Amino acid sequence: MIRVGIIGGSGYTGGELLRLLVQHPEVEVTIVTSRALDGTQVADVHRHLKGFYDLKFVDATAKSVAKAADVVFLAVPHGAAMGLVPNLIDEVRIIDLSADYRLGQRYESVYGPHTDPREAVYGLPELHPEVAHADLCANPGCYPTGAILSAAPLVKAGFVDRIVFDSKSGISGAGAAPTATSHYPNLAENVVPYQLTNHRHKAEIVQELERLGAGTVNFTPHVIPSIRGILTTAHIFTNKDLDSDGVKSLYEDFYAGRPFIRFNVPSLGSVRGTNFCDLFIERDAASNRIVVVSAIDNMVKGASGQAIQNMNLMFGLDETTGLWTPALSL
């Protein structure tokens, strides 16, 4: 049985980790931390977990968490993980859901100073099977997950000149703390574009696609009046005319054996609550453009579910363990 610790378990990603891990047959959650909620029952904060956990939040040091766990999930704000990892890395395996270890040398230009510039494996299993051997896994961001998976096969094949990603996300991606953007009157019956050309997740998308050989990458996010989900439309401009069957075969071959990639007409309802990424591909016959639409649940494949997928691989389990479940389509 894998002993799991969660540092920062009171927010959306912490609650989603707890929801998914409770049905995992090879896991026992042994410790969940929160400074502000020390001594509070987990199920009094995450009320949907009533009857599933008899744990209390604790205000514990990283060393104390390490003694109680085999793997630690860091569900903390950006900038906090780099202060925790040095005290954990020699004791346990770590999966960081923040951005602290995703970008390597690019981090400081996007987020600011970094105090622990060690390398981590980027935890997108479909592109990084080496996560199975990682001691420190940098779990991808939500927007980058859907964007990268939508374009990777064509980029890897060397067919891409330019990509324009248009992404629309549910409001849970902004976290549990209320903001002007998440305030109901500002978002209901509305679509809000933001950080049109300089969203910090763009650096992550560029990093991974450049590694595969991409050309120019453009990315614009929007918030929509939905709780969960990200729908990304990738306009992929190719350097040669490609036929539809060839492109579809390219994607099917690239993702062969990857259980969480499905070729399906994407909708947020089709992936809600699941770790799937649904892809749909169509060729624009009038130009060298391939349109690929991806759909993920930003809280699962875009965060906590992908973190558990990485944990499964790191501990030699089938990557679907505890995650193979159909969507809440309505």
C-alpha atoms as a PDB file:
ATOM      1  CA  MET A   1       0.000   0.000   0.000  1.00  0.00           C
ATOM      2  CA  ILE A   2       1.383   3.405  -1.051  1.00  0.00           C
ATOM      3  CA  ARG A   3       1.275   5.960   1.759  1.00  0.00           C
ATOM      4  CA  VAL A   4       0.249   9.370   0.403  1.00  0.00           C
ATOM      5  CA  GLY A   5       0.783  12.788   1.914  1.00  0.00           C
ATOM      6  CA  ILE A   6      -0.800  15.975   0.579  1.00  0.00           C
ATOM      7  CA  ILE A   7       0.709  19.341   1.458  1.00  0.00           C
ATOM      8  CA  GLY A   8      -1.901  22.037   0.910  1.00  0.00           C
ATOM      9  CA  GLY A   9      -5.064  19.946   0.884  1.00  0.00           C
ATOM     10  CA  SER A  10      -7.746  22.576   1.438  1.00  0.00           C
ATOM     11  CA  GLY A  11      -8.096  23.964  -2.097  1.00  0.00           C
ATOM     12  CA  TYR A  12      -9.661  22.650  -5.287  1.00  0.00           C
ATOM     13  CA  THR A  13      -6.706  20.505  -6.361  1.00  0.00           C
ATOM     14  CA  GLY A  14      -6.274  19.099  -2.863  1.00  0.00           C
ATOM     15  CA  GLY A  15      -9.957  18.205  -2.683  1.00  0.00           C
ATOM     16  CA  GLU A  16      -9.824  16.602  -6.096  1.00  0.00           C
ATOM     17  CA  LEU A  17      -6.777  14.547  -5.107  1.00  0.00           C
ATOM     18  CA  LEU A  18      -8.678  13.308  -2.072  1.00  0.00           C
ATOM     19  CA  ARG A  19     -11.786  12.492  -4.133  1.00  0.00           C
ATOM     20  CA  LEU A  20      -9.822  10.437  -6.634  1.00  0.00           C
ATOM     21  CA  LEU A  21      -7.476   8.759  -4.167  1.00  0.00           C
ATOM     22  CA  VAL A  22     -10.294   7.462  -1.977  1.00  0.00           C
ATOM     23  CA  GLN A  23     -11.195   4.950  -4.697  1.00  0.00           C
ATOM     24  CA  HIS A  24      -7.589   4.008  -5.498  1.00  0.00           C
ATOM     25  CA  PRO A  25      -7.003   0.363  -4.499  1.00  0.00           C
ATOM     26  CA  GLU A  26      -3.264   0.740  -3.835  1.00  0.00           C
ATOM     27  CA  VAL A  27      -3.260   3.944  -1.783  1.00  0.00           C
ATOM     28  CA  GLU A  28      -3.769   5.111   1.780  1.00  0.00           C
ATOM     29  CA  VAL A  29      -3.863   8.853   2.425  1.00  0.00           C
ATOM     30  CA  THR A  30      -2.002   9.230   5.716  1.00  0.00           C
ATOM     31  CA  ILE A  31      -1.546  12.981   6.163  1.00  0.00           C
ATOM     32  CA  VAL A  32      -3.097  16.165   4.747  1.00  0.00           C
ATOM     33  CA  THR A  33      -1.771  19.562   5.722  1.00  0.00           C
ATOM     34  CA  SER A  34      -3.235  23.041   6.081  1.00  0.00           C
ATOM     35  CA  ARG A  35      -1.885  25.714   8.398  1.00  0.00           C
ATOM     36  CA  ALA A  36      -5.146  27.633   8.589  1.00  0.00           C
ATOM     37  CA  LEU A  37      -7.290  24.530   9.156  1.00  0.00           C
ATOM     38  CA  ASP A  38      -5.100  22.659  11.629  1.00  0.00           C
ATOM     39  CA  GLY A  39      -7.307  20.247  13.597  1.00  0.00           C
ATOM     40  CA  THR A  40     -10.309  20.567  11.264  1.00  0.00           C
ATOM     41  CA  GLN A  41     -11.852  17.425   9.829  1.00  0.00           C
ATOM     42  CA  VAL A  42     -11.094  17.064   6.118  1.00  0.00           C
ATOM     43  CA  ALA A  43     -14.736  16.200   5.438  1.00  0.00           C
ATOM     44  CA  ASP A  44     -15.916  19.399   7.148  1.00  0.00           C
ATOM     45  CA  VAL A  45     -14.077  21.382   4.456  1.00  0.00           C
ATOM     46  CA  HIS A  46     -14.570  19.021   1.500  1.00  0.00           C
ATOM     47  CA  ARG A  47     -18.165  18.139   2.314  1.00  0.00           C
ATOM     48  CA  HIS A  48     -18.541  15.822  -0.665  1.00  0.00           C
ATOM     49  CA  LEU A  49     -16.081  13.501   1.114  1.00  0.00           C
ATOM     50  CA  LYS A  50     -18.250  13.046   4.217  1.00  0.00           C
ATOM     51  CA  GLY A  51     -18.105   9.397   5.238  1.00  0.00           C
ATOM     52  CA  PHE A  52     -15.004   8.686   3.165  1.00  0.00           C
ATOM     53  CA  TYR A  53     -12.261  10.213   5.326  1.00  0.00           C
ATOM     54  CA  ASP A  54     -11.706  10.360   9.070  1.00  0.00           C
ATOM     55  CA  LEU A  55      -8.621  12.554   8.741  1.00  0.00           C
ATOM     56  CA  LYS A  56      -7.956  15.992  10.167  1.00  0.00           C
ATOM     57  CA  PHE A  57      -5.850  18.680   8.568  1.00  0.00           C
ATOM     58  CA  VAL A  58      -2.554  19.162  10.363  1.00  0.00           C
ATOM     59  CA  ASP A  59      -0.009  21.965  10.419  1.00  0.00           C
ATOM     60  CA  ALA A  60       3.073  19.807   9.903  1.00  0.00           C
ATOM     61  CA  THR A  61       6.620  20.355   8.728  1.00  0.00           C
ATOM     62  CA  ALA A  62       7.831  18.860   5.467  1.00  0.00           C
ATOM     63  CA  LYS A  63      10.005  16.439   7.452  1.00  0.00           C
ATOM     64  CA  SER A  64       6.974  15.235   9.435  1.00  0.00           C
ATOM     65  CA  VAL A  65       5.016  14.668   6.243  1.00  0.00           C
ATOM     66  CA  ALA A  66       7.909  12.709   4.752  1.00  0.00           C
ATOM     67  CA  LYS A  67       7.957  10.339   7.715  1.00  0.00           C
ATOM     68  CA  ALA A  68       4.285   9.508   7.159  1.00  0.00           C
ATOM     69  CA  ALA A  69       4.352   9.059   3.366  1.00  0.00           C
ATOM     70  CA  ASP A  70       5.994   7.327   0.423  1.00  0.00           C
ATOM     71  CA  VAL A  71       4.896  10.006  -2.038  1.00  0.00           C
ATOM     72  CA  VAL A  72       3.935  13.618  -1.392  1.00  0.00           C
ATOM     73  CA  PHE A  73       1.669  15.741  -3.566  1.00  0.00           C
ATOM     74  CA  LEU A  74       2.370  19.469  -3.336  1.00  0.00           C
ATOM     75  CA  ALA A  75      -0.928  21.292  -3.903  1.00  0.00           C
ATOM     76  CA  VAL A  76       0.476  24.676  -2.924  1.00  0.00           C
ATOM     77  CA  PRO A  77       0.632  28.117  -4.563  1.00  0.00           C
ATOM     78  CA  HIS A  78       3.350  28.910  -7.086  1.00  0.00           C
ATOM     79  CA  GLY A  79       6.542  29.780  -5.262  1.00  0.00           C
ATOM     80  CA  ALA A  80       5.852  27.619  -2.203  1.00  0.00           C
ATOM     81  CA  ALA A  81       6.996  24.230  -3.515  1.00  0.00           C
ATOM     82  CA  MET A  82      10.600  25.345  -4.010  1.00  0.00           C
ATOM     83  CA  GLY A  83      10.828  25.892  -0.260  1.00  0.00           C
ATOM     84  CA  LEU A  84       9.483  22.415   0.501  1.00  0.00           C
ATOM     85  CA  VAL A  85      11.203  20.162  -2.019  1.00  0.00           C
ATOM     86  CA  PRO A  86      14.722  20.410  -0.515  1.00  0.00           C
ATOM     87  CA  ASN A  87      13.337  19.059   2.769  1.00  0.00           C
ATOM     88  CA  LEU A  88      11.484  16.196   1.094  1.00  0.00           C
ATOM     89  CA  ILE A  89      13.546  15.013  -1.857  1.00  0.00           C
ATOM     90  CA  ASP A  90      15.859  12.668   0.053  1.00  0.00           C
ATOM     91  CA  GLU A  91      12.968  10.986   1.865  1.00  0.00           C
ATOM     92  CA  VAL A  92      10.028  10.596  -0.540  1.00  0.00           C
ATOM     93  CA  ARG A  93       9.019  10.902  -4.160  1.00  0.00           C
ATOM     94  CA  ILE A  94       7.345  14.195  -4.992  1.00  0.00           C
ATOM     95  CA  ILE A  95       4.663  15.314  -7.418  1.00  0.00           C
ATOM     96  CA  ASP A  96       4.419  19.102  -7.566  1.00  0.00           C
ATOM     97  CA  LEU A  97       1.151  20.511  -8.895  1.00  0.00           C
ATOM     98  CA  SER A  98       2.455  24.087  -8.903  1.00  0.00           C
ATOM     99  CA  ALA A  99       4.589  25.668 -11.628  1.00  0.00           C
ATOM    100  CA  ASP A 100       7.804  25.714  -9.600  1.00  0.00           C
ATOM    101  CA  TYR A 101       9.652  22.937 -11.436  1.00  0.00           C
ATOM    102  CA  ARG A 102       7.964  22.940 -14.863  1.00  0.00           C
ATOM    103  CA  LEU A 103      10.060  25.502 -16.672  1.00  0.00           C
ATOM    104  CA  GLY A 104      13.691  25.050 -15.696  1.00  0.00           C
ATOM    105  CA  GLN A 105      15.718  28.105 -16.730  1.00  0.00           C
ATOM    106  CA  ARG A 106      12.621  29.811 -18.155  1.00  0.00           C
ATOM    107  CA  TYR A 107      10.964  29.987 -14.734  1.00  0.00           C
ATOM    108  CA  GLU A 108      12.425  33.288 -13.534  1.00  0.00           C
ATOM    109  CA  SER A 109      11.450  35.176 -16.681  1.00  0.00           C
ATOM    110  CA  VAL A 110       7.831  34.105 -16.185  1.00  0.00           C
ATOM    111  CA  TYR A 111       7.242  33.762 -12.439  1.00  0.00           C
ATOM    112  CA  GLY A 112      10.171  35.450 -10.679  1.00  0.00           C
ATOM    113  CA  PRO A 113      13.134  34.318  -8.555  1.00  0.00           C
ATOM    114  CA  HIS A 114      13.715  30.597  -7.976  1.00  0.00           C
ATOM    115  CA  THR A 115      15.599  29.335  -4.926  1.00  0.00           C
ATOM    116  CA  ASP A 116      15.952  25.652  -5.853  1.00  0.00           C
ATOM    117  CA  PRO A 117      16.874  25.246  -9.541  1.00  0.00           C
ATOM    118  CA  ARG A 118      16.965  21.461  -9.616  1.00  0.00           C
ATOM    119  CA  GLU A 119      15.650  19.466 -12.573  1.00  0.00           C
ATOM    120  CA  ALA A 120      12.341  17.629 -12.570  1.00  0.00           C
ATOM    121  CA  VAL A 121      10.593  15.390 -15.086  1.00  0.00           C
ATOM    122  CA  TYR A 122       7.722  17.151 -16.835  1.00  0.00           C
ATOM    123  CA  GLY A 123       4.745  15.004 -15.913  1.00  0.00           C
ATOM    124  CA  LEU A 124       2.875  14.654 -19.188  1.00  0.00           C
ATOM    125  CA  PRO A 125       3.020  10.842 -19.442  1.00  0.00           C
ATOM    126  CA  GLU A 126       1.975  10.680 -23.084  1.00  0.00           C
ATOM    127  CA  LEU A 127       5.185  12.528 -23.987  1.00  0.00           C
ATOM    128  CA  HIS A 128       7.432  11.740 -21.027  1.00  0.00           C
ATOM    129  CA  PRO A 129       7.500   8.030 -20.163  1.00  0.00           C
ATOM    130  CA  GLU A 130      10.612   8.731 -18.092  1.00  0.00           C
ATOM    131  CA  VAL A 131       8.265   9.977 -15.370  1.00  0.00           C
ATOM    132  CA  ALA A 132       8.219   6.341 -14.215  1.00  0.00           C
ATOM    133  CA  HIS A 133      11.762   6.817 -12.883  1.00  0.00           C
ATOM    134  CA  ALA A 134      11.318  10.312 -11.470  1.00  0.00           C
ATOM    135  CA  ASP A 135      11.849  11.322  -7.859  1.00  0.00           C
ATOM    136  CA  LEU A 136      10.498  14.808  -8.609  1.00  0.00           C
ATOM    137  CA  CYS A 137       7.636  15.153 -11.078  1.00  0.00           C
ATOM    138  CA  ALA A 138       6.479  18.591 -12.248  1.00  0.00           C
ATOM    139  CA  ASN A 139       2.795  18.143 -12.996  1.00  0.00           C
ATOM    140  CA  PRO A 140       1.758  20.174 -16.085  1.00  0.00           C
ATOM    141  CA  GLY A 141      -0.566  23.130 -16.074  1.00  0.00           C
ATOM    142  CA  CYS A 142      -4.155  22.734 -17.235  1.00  0.00           C
ATOM    143  CA  TYR A 143      -4.026  24.845 -20.407  1.00  0.00           C
ATOM    144  CA  PRO A 144      -0.710  23.315 -21.533  1.00  0.00           C
ATOM    145  CA  THR A 145      -2.010  19.762 -21.135  1.00  0.00           C
ATOM    146  CA  GLY A 146      -4.827  20.162 -23.656  1.00  0.00           C
ATOM    147  CA  ALA A 147      -2.805  22.372 -25.989  1.00  0.00           C
ATOM    148  CA  ILE A 148       0.329  20.227 -26.125  1.00  0.00           C
ATOM    149  CA  LEU A 149      -1.589  16.986 -26.635  1.00  0.00           C
ATOM    150  CA  SER A 150      -3.584  18.522 -29.483  1.00  0.00           C
ATOM    151  CA  ALA A 151      -0.481  19.462 -31.488  1.00  0.00           C
ATOM    152  CA  ALA A 152       2.326  17.084 -30.486  1.00  0.00           C
ATOM    153  CA  PRO A 153       1.951  14.448 -33.240  1.00  0.00           C
ATOM    154  CA  LEU A 154       2.109  16.967 -36.091  1.00  0.00           C
ATOM    155  CA  VAL A 155       4.936  18.889 -34.435  1.00  0.00           C
ATOM    156  CA  LYS A 156       6.973  15.737 -33.856  1.00  0.00           C
ATOM    157  CA  ALA A 157       6.485  14.751 -37.510  1.00  0.00           C
ATOM    158  CA  GLY A 158       8.007  18.066 -38.619  1.00  0.00           C
ATOM    159  CA  PHE A 159       4.930  19.349 -40.452  1.00  0.00           C
ATOM    160  CA  VAL A 160       4.203  22.538 -38.473  1.00  0.00           C
ATOM    161  CA  ASP A 161       4.936  26.151 -39.382  1.00  0.00           C
ATOM    162  CA  ARG A 162       2.676  27.903 -36.891  1.00  0.00           C
ATOM    163  CA  ILE A 163       0.045  27.094 -34.271  1.00  0.00           C
ATOM    164  CA  VAL A 164      -2.709  29.288 -32.857  1.00  0.00           C
ATOM    165  CA  PHE A 165      -4.286  27.921 -29.678  1.00  0.00           C
ATOM    166  CA  ASP A 166      -7.672  29.298 -28.622  1.00  0.00           C
ATOM    167  CA  SER A 167      -8.606  27.910 -25.192  1.00  0.00           C
ATOM    168  CA  LYS A 168     -11.748  28.259 -23.094  1.00  0.00           C
ATOM    169  CA  SER A 169     -11.656  27.260 -19.447  1.00  0.00           C
ATOM    170  CA  GLY A 170     -14.104  26.750 -16.626  1.00  0.00           C
ATOM    171  CA  ILE A 171     -13.665  29.070 -13.672  1.00  0.00           C
ATOM    172  CA  SER A 172     -12.290  26.428 -11.277  1.00  0.00           C
ATOM    173  CA  GLY A 173      -8.947  26.925 -13.008  1.00  0.00           C
ATOM    174  CA  ALA A 174      -8.664  30.246 -11.162  1.00  0.00           C
ATOM    175  CA  GLY A 175      -8.611  28.493  -7.787  1.00  0.00           C
ATOM    176  CA  ALA A 176     -10.874  28.614  -4.755  1.00  0.00           C
ATOM    177  CA  ALA A 177     -10.266  32.246  -3.751  1.00  0.00           C
ATOM    178  CA  PRO A 178     -12.930  34.527  -5.281  1.00  0.00           C
ATOM    179  CA  THR A 179     -11.839  37.209  -7.741  1.00  0.00           C
ATOM    180  CA  ALA A 180     -13.509  39.809  -9.949  1.00  0.00           C
ATOM    181  CA  THR A 181     -13.315  37.347 -12.843  1.00  0.00           C
ATOM    182  CA  SER A 182     -14.967  34.537 -10.882  1.00  0.00           C
ATOM    183  CA  HIS A 183     -17.688  36.735  -9.354  1.00  0.00           C
ATOM    184  CA  TYR A 184     -20.964  35.310 -10.674  1.00  0.00           C
ATOM    185  CA  PRO A 185     -22.457  38.504 -12.198  1.00  0.00           C
ATOM    186  CA  ASN A 186     -19.232  39.114 -14.123  1.00  0.00           C
ATOM    187  CA  LEU A 187     -19.009  35.632 -15.606  1.00  0.00           C
ATOM    188  CA  ALA A 188     -22.559  34.314 -16.033  1.00  0.00           C
ATOM    189  CA  GLU A 189     -23.769  34.428 -19.653  1.00  0.00           C
ATOM    190  CA  ASN A 190     -20.367  35.782 -20.619  1.00  0.00           C
ATOM    191  CA  VAL A 191     -17.020  34.819 -22.143  1.00  0.00           C
ATOM    192  CA  VAL A 192     -13.997  36.708 -20.835  1.00  0.00           C
ATOM    193  CA  PRO A 193     -10.691  36.741 -22.732  1.00  0.00           C
ATOM    194  CA  TYR A 194      -7.673  37.606 -20.616  1.00  0.00           C
ATOM    195  CA  GLN A 195      -3.881  37.864 -20.927  1.00  0.00           C
ATOM    196  CA  LEU A 196      -4.412  37.637 -24.672  1.00  0.00           C
ATOM    197  CA  THR A 197      -0.764  37.317 -25.696  1.00  0.00           C
ATOM    198  CA  ASN A 198       1.256  36.812 -22.502  1.00  0.00           C
ATOM    199  CA  HIS A 199      -0.442  34.212 -20.317  1.00  0.00           C
ATOM    200  CA  ARG A 200       2.229  32.485 -18.227  1.00  0.00           C
ATOM    201  CA  HIS A 201       1.157  29.040 -19.445  1.00  0.00           C
ATOM    202  CA  LYS A 202       2.336  29.973 -22.925  1.00  0.00           C
ATOM    203  CA  ALA A 203       5.958  29.459 -21.818  1.00  0.00           C
ATOM    204  CA  GLU A 204       5.127  25.903 -20.825  1.00  0.00           C
ATOM    205  CA  ILE A 205       3.417  25.170 -24.140  1.00  0.00           C
ATOM    206  CA  VAL A 206       6.310  26.666 -26.094  1.00  0.00           C
ATOM    207  CA  GLN A 207       8.883  24.734 -24.063  1.00  0.00           C
ATOM    208  CA  GLU A 208       7.320  21.357 -24.756  1.00  0.00           C
ATOM    209  CA  LEU A 209       6.510  21.958 -28.408  1.00  0.00           C
ATOM    210  CA  GLU A 210       9.950  23.426 -29.106  1.00  0.00           C
ATOM    211  CA  ARG A 211      11.410  20.237 -27.677  1.00  0.00           C
ATOM    212  CA  LEU A 212       9.481  18.389 -30.395  1.00  0.00           C
ATOM    213  CA  GLY A 213      10.413  20.913 -33.093  1.00  0.00           C
ATOM    214  CA  ALA A 214       7.569  23.451 -33.261  1.00  0.00           C
ATOM    215  CA  GLY A 215       7.576  26.735 -35.152  1.00  0.00           C
ATOM    216  CA  THR A 216       5.695  29.814 -33.920  1.00  0.00           C
ATOM    217  CA  VAL A 217       3.229  29.226 -31.083  1.00  0.00           C
ATOM    218  CA  ASN A 218       0.374  31.616 -30.224  1.00  0.00           C
ATOM    219  CA  PHE A 219      -2.002  31.173 -27.289  1.00  0.00           C
ATOM    220  CA  THR A 220      -5.064  33.085 -26.085  1.00  0.00           C
ATOM    221  CA  PRO A 221      -7.172  31.935 -23.104  1.00  0.00           C
ATOM    222  CA  HIS A 222     -10.783  32.709 -22.190  1.00  0.00           C
ATOM    223  CA  VAL A 223     -12.895  32.029 -19.105  1.00  0.00           C
ATOM    224  CA  ILE A 224     -16.393  30.698 -19.700  1.00  0.00           C
ATOM    225  CA  PRO A 225     -19.374  30.259 -17.332  1.00  0.00           C
ATOM    226  CA  SER A 226     -18.593  26.632 -16.585  1.00  0.00           C
ATOM    227  CA  ILE A 227     -17.135  25.142 -13.417  1.00  0.00           C
ATOM    228  CA  ARG A 228     -14.917  22.490 -15.005  1.00  0.00           C
ATOM    229  CA  GLY A 229     -13.263  21.818 -18.299  1.00  0.00           C
ATOM    230  CA  ILE A 230     -11.007  23.273 -20.978  1.00  0.00           C
ATOM    231  CA  LEU A 231     -11.833  23.183 -24.671  1.00  0.00           C
ATOM    232  CA  THR A 232      -8.856  24.099 -26.859  1.00  0.00           C
ATOM    233  CA  THR A 233      -9.047  24.702 -30.589  1.00  0.00           C
ATOM    234  CA  ALA A 234      -5.621  24.358 -32.202  1.00  0.00           C
ATOM    235  CA  HIS A 235      -5.253  25.928 -35.637  1.00  0.00           C
ATOM    236  CA  ILE A 236      -2.166  24.160 -36.928  1.00  0.00           C
ATOM    237  CA  PHE A 237      -0.691  25.631 -40.122  1.00  0.00           C
ATOM    238  CA  THR A 238       1.445  23.043 -41.870  1.00  0.00           C
ATOM    239  CA  ASN A 239       4.392  23.336 -44.225  1.00  0.00           C
ATOM    240  CA  LYS A 240       2.840  20.958 -46.754  1.00  0.00           C
ATOM    241  CA  ASP A 241      -0.584  19.826 -47.865  1.00  0.00           C
ATOM    242  CA  LEU A 242      -1.627  16.802 -45.802  1.00  0.00           C
ATOM    243  CA  ASP A 243      -4.544  14.493 -46.462  1.00  0.00           C
ATOM    244  CA  SER A 244      -7.145  13.831 -43.760  1.00  0.00           C
ATOM    245  CA  ASP A 245      -6.576  10.090 -43.489  1.00  0.00           C
ATOM    246  CA  GLY A 246      -2.825  10.556 -43.159  1.00  0.00           C
ATOM    247  CA  VAL A 247      -3.197  13.070 -40.339  1.00  0.00           C
ATOM    248  CA  LYS A 248      -5.649  10.889 -38.441  1.00  0.00           C
ATOM    249  CA  SER A 249      -3.350   7.885 -38.805  1.00  0.00           C
ATOM    250  CA  LEU A 250      -0.451  10.000 -37.563  1.00  0.00           C
ATOM    251  CA  TYR A 251      -2.368  10.832 -34.380  1.00  0.00           C
ATOM    252  CA  GLU A 252      -3.594   7.268 -33.852  1.00  0.00           C
ATOM    253  CA  ASP A 253      -0.065   5.898 -34.189  1.00  0.00           C
ATOM    254  CA  PHE A 254       1.454   8.575 -31.950  1.00  0.00           C
ATOM    255  CA  TYR A 255      -1.009   7.881 -29.144  1.00  0.00           C
ATOM    256  CA  ALA A 256      -1.251   4.116 -29.580  1.00  0.00           C
ATOM    257  CA  GLY A 257      -1.300   2.476 -26.159  1.00  0.00           C
ATOM    258  CA  ARG A 258      -2.063   5.737 -24.359  1.00  0.00           C
ATOM    259  CA  PRO A 259      -5.325   4.875 -22.574  1.00  0.00           C
ATOM    260  CA  PHE A 260      -6.409   8.408 -21.680  1.00  0.00           C
ATOM    261  CA  ILE A 261      -6.306   9.722 -25.253  1.00  0.00           C
ATOM    262  CA  ARG A 262      -9.610   9.203 -27.046  1.00  0.00           C
ATOM    263  CA  PHE A 263     -10.632  10.206 -30.551  1.00  0.00           C
ATOM    264  CA  ASN A 264     -14.073  11.554 -29.936  1.00  0.00           C
ATOM    265  CA  VAL A 265     -16.121  14.640 -30.786  1.00  0.00           C
ATOM    266  CA  PRO A 266     -14.929  16.824 -27.888  1.00  0.00           C
ATOM    267  CA  SER A 267     -17.253  18.360 -25.347  1.00  0.00           C
ATOM    268  CA  LEU A 268     -16.726  19.315 -21.747  1.00  0.00           C
ATOM    269  CA  GLY A 269     -19.495  16.940 -20.683  1.00  0.00           C
ATOM    270  CA  SER A 270     -17.729  13.983 -22.284  1.00  0.00           C
ATOM    271  CA  VAL A 271     -14.674  14.371 -20.033  1.00  0.00           C
ATOM    272  CA  ARG A 272     -16.156  15.903 -16.875  1.00  0.00           C
ATOM    273  CA  GLY A 273     -14.750  14.210 -13.797  1.00  0.00           C
ATOM    274  CA  THR A 274     -12.359  12.032 -15.825  1.00  0.00           C
ATOM    275  CA  ASN A 275      -8.693  11.841 -16.769  1.00  0.00           C
ATOM    276  CA  PHE A 276      -9.409  11.600 -20.507  1.00  0.00           C
ATOM    277  CA  CYS A 277      -8.258  13.964 -23.206  1.00  0.00           C
ATOM    278  CA  ASP A 278     -10.637  13.776 -26.165  1.00  0.00           C
ATOM    279  CA  LEU A 279      -9.316  14.840 -29.574  1.00  0.00           C
ATOM    280  CA  PHE A 280     -11.087  15.623 -32.829  1.00  0.00           C
ATOM    281  CA  ILE A 281      -9.187  16.340 -36.058  1.00  0.00           C
ATOM    282  CA  GLU A 282     -10.368  18.007 -39.252  1.00  0.00           C
ATOM    283  CA  ARG A 283      -8.448  19.190 -42.306  1.00  0.00           C
ATOM    284  CA  ASP A 284      -9.220  22.539 -43.866  1.00  0.00           C
ATOM    285  CA  ALA A 285      -9.342  21.685 -47.556  1.00  0.00           C
ATOM    286  CA  ALA A 286      -8.918  25.332 -48.566  1.00  0.00           C
ATOM    287  CA  SER A 287      -5.529  25.816 -46.915  1.00  0.00           C
ATOM    288  CA  ASN A 288      -2.659  24.051 -45.177  1.00  0.00           C
ATOM    289  CA  ARG A 289      -4.522  24.133 -41.867  1.00  0.00           C
ATOM    290  CA  ILE A 290      -5.368  21.265 -39.568  1.00  0.00           C
ATOM    291  CA  VAL A 291      -7.900  22.010 -36.828  1.00  0.00           C
ATOM    292  CA  VAL A 292      -7.543  19.864 -33.709  1.00  0.00           C
ATOM    293  CA  VAL A 293      -9.949  20.297 -30.814  1.00  0.00           C
ATOM    294  CA  SER A 294      -9.107  18.901 -27.386  1.00  0.00           C
ATOM    295  CA  ALA A 295     -11.290  18.606 -24.299  1.00  0.00           C
ATOM    296  CA  ILE A 296     -10.078  17.880 -20.778  1.00  0.00           C
ATOM    297  CA  ASP A 297     -11.353  18.313 -17.254  1.00  0.00           C
ATOM    298  CA  ASN A 298      -8.976  20.965 -15.920  1.00  0.00           C
ATOM    299  CA  MET A 299      -9.268  19.574 -12.383  1.00  0.00           C
ATOM    300  CA  VAL A 300      -8.493  15.975 -13.388  1.00  0.00           C
ATOM    301  CA  LYS A 301      -6.353  15.533 -16.518  1.00  0.00           C
ATOM    302  CA  GLY A 302      -5.365  19.175 -16.077  1.00  0.00           C
ATOM    303  CA  ALA A 303      -4.297  18.737 -12.457  1.00  0.00           C
ATOM    304  CA  SER A 304      -5.065  16.097  -9.827  1.00  0.00           C
ATOM    305  CA  GLY A 305      -5.906  13.151 -12.088  1.00  0.00           C
ATOM    306  CA  GLN A 306      -2.759  13.575 -14.125  1.00  0.00           C
ATOM    307  CA  ALA A 307      -0.804  13.779 -10.858  1.00  0.00           C
ATOM    308  CA  ILE A 308      -2.221  10.391  -9.850  1.00  0.00           C
ATOM    309  CA  GLN A 309      -1.501   9.004 -13.327  1.00  0.00           C
ATOM    310  CA  ASN A 310       2.110  10.062 -12.754  1.00  0.00           C
ATOM    311  CA  MET A 311       2.128   8.491  -9.294  1.00  0.00           C
ATOM    312  CA  ASN A 312       0.893   5.209 -10.760  1.00  0.00           C
ATOM    313  CA  LEU A 313       3.756   5.140 -13.234  1.00  0.00           C
ATOM    314  CA  MET A 314       6.309   6.146 -10.603  1.00  0.00           C
ATOM    315  CA  PHE A 315       5.278   3.191  -8.433  1.00  0.00           C
ATOM    316  CA  GLY A 316       5.035   0.606 -11.200  1.00  0.00           C
ATOM    317  CA  LEU A 317       1.238   0.482 -11.374  1.00  0.00           C
ATOM    318  CA  ASP A 318      -0.968   0.503 -14.446  1.00  0.00           C
ATOM    319  CA  GLU A 319      -1.460   4.195 -15.196  1.00  0.00           C
ATOM    320  CA  THR A 320      -5.253   3.816 -15.187  1.00  0.00           C
ATOM    321  CA  THR A 321      -5.416   2.489 -11.616  1.00  0.00           C
ATOM    322  CA  GLY A 322      -7.997   4.456  -9.662  1.00  0.00           C
ATOM    323  CA  LEU A 323      -8.726   6.662 -12.662  1.00  0.00           C
ATOM    324  CA  TRP A 324     -10.690   4.504 -15.090  1.00  0.00           C
ATOM    325  CA  THR A 325     -14.129   6.012 -14.787  1.00  0.00           C
ATOM    326  CA  PRO A 326     -16.711   7.389 -17.239  1.00  0.00           C
ATOM    327  CA  ALA A 327     -17.668  11.041 -17.379  1.00  0.00           C
ATOM    328  CA  LEU A 328     -20.480  12.855 -15.616  1.00  0.00           C
ATOM    329  CA  SER A 329     -21.908  13.877 -18.975  1.00  0.00           C
ATOM    330  CA  LEU A 330     -24.764  16.051 -17.688  1.00  0.00           C
END
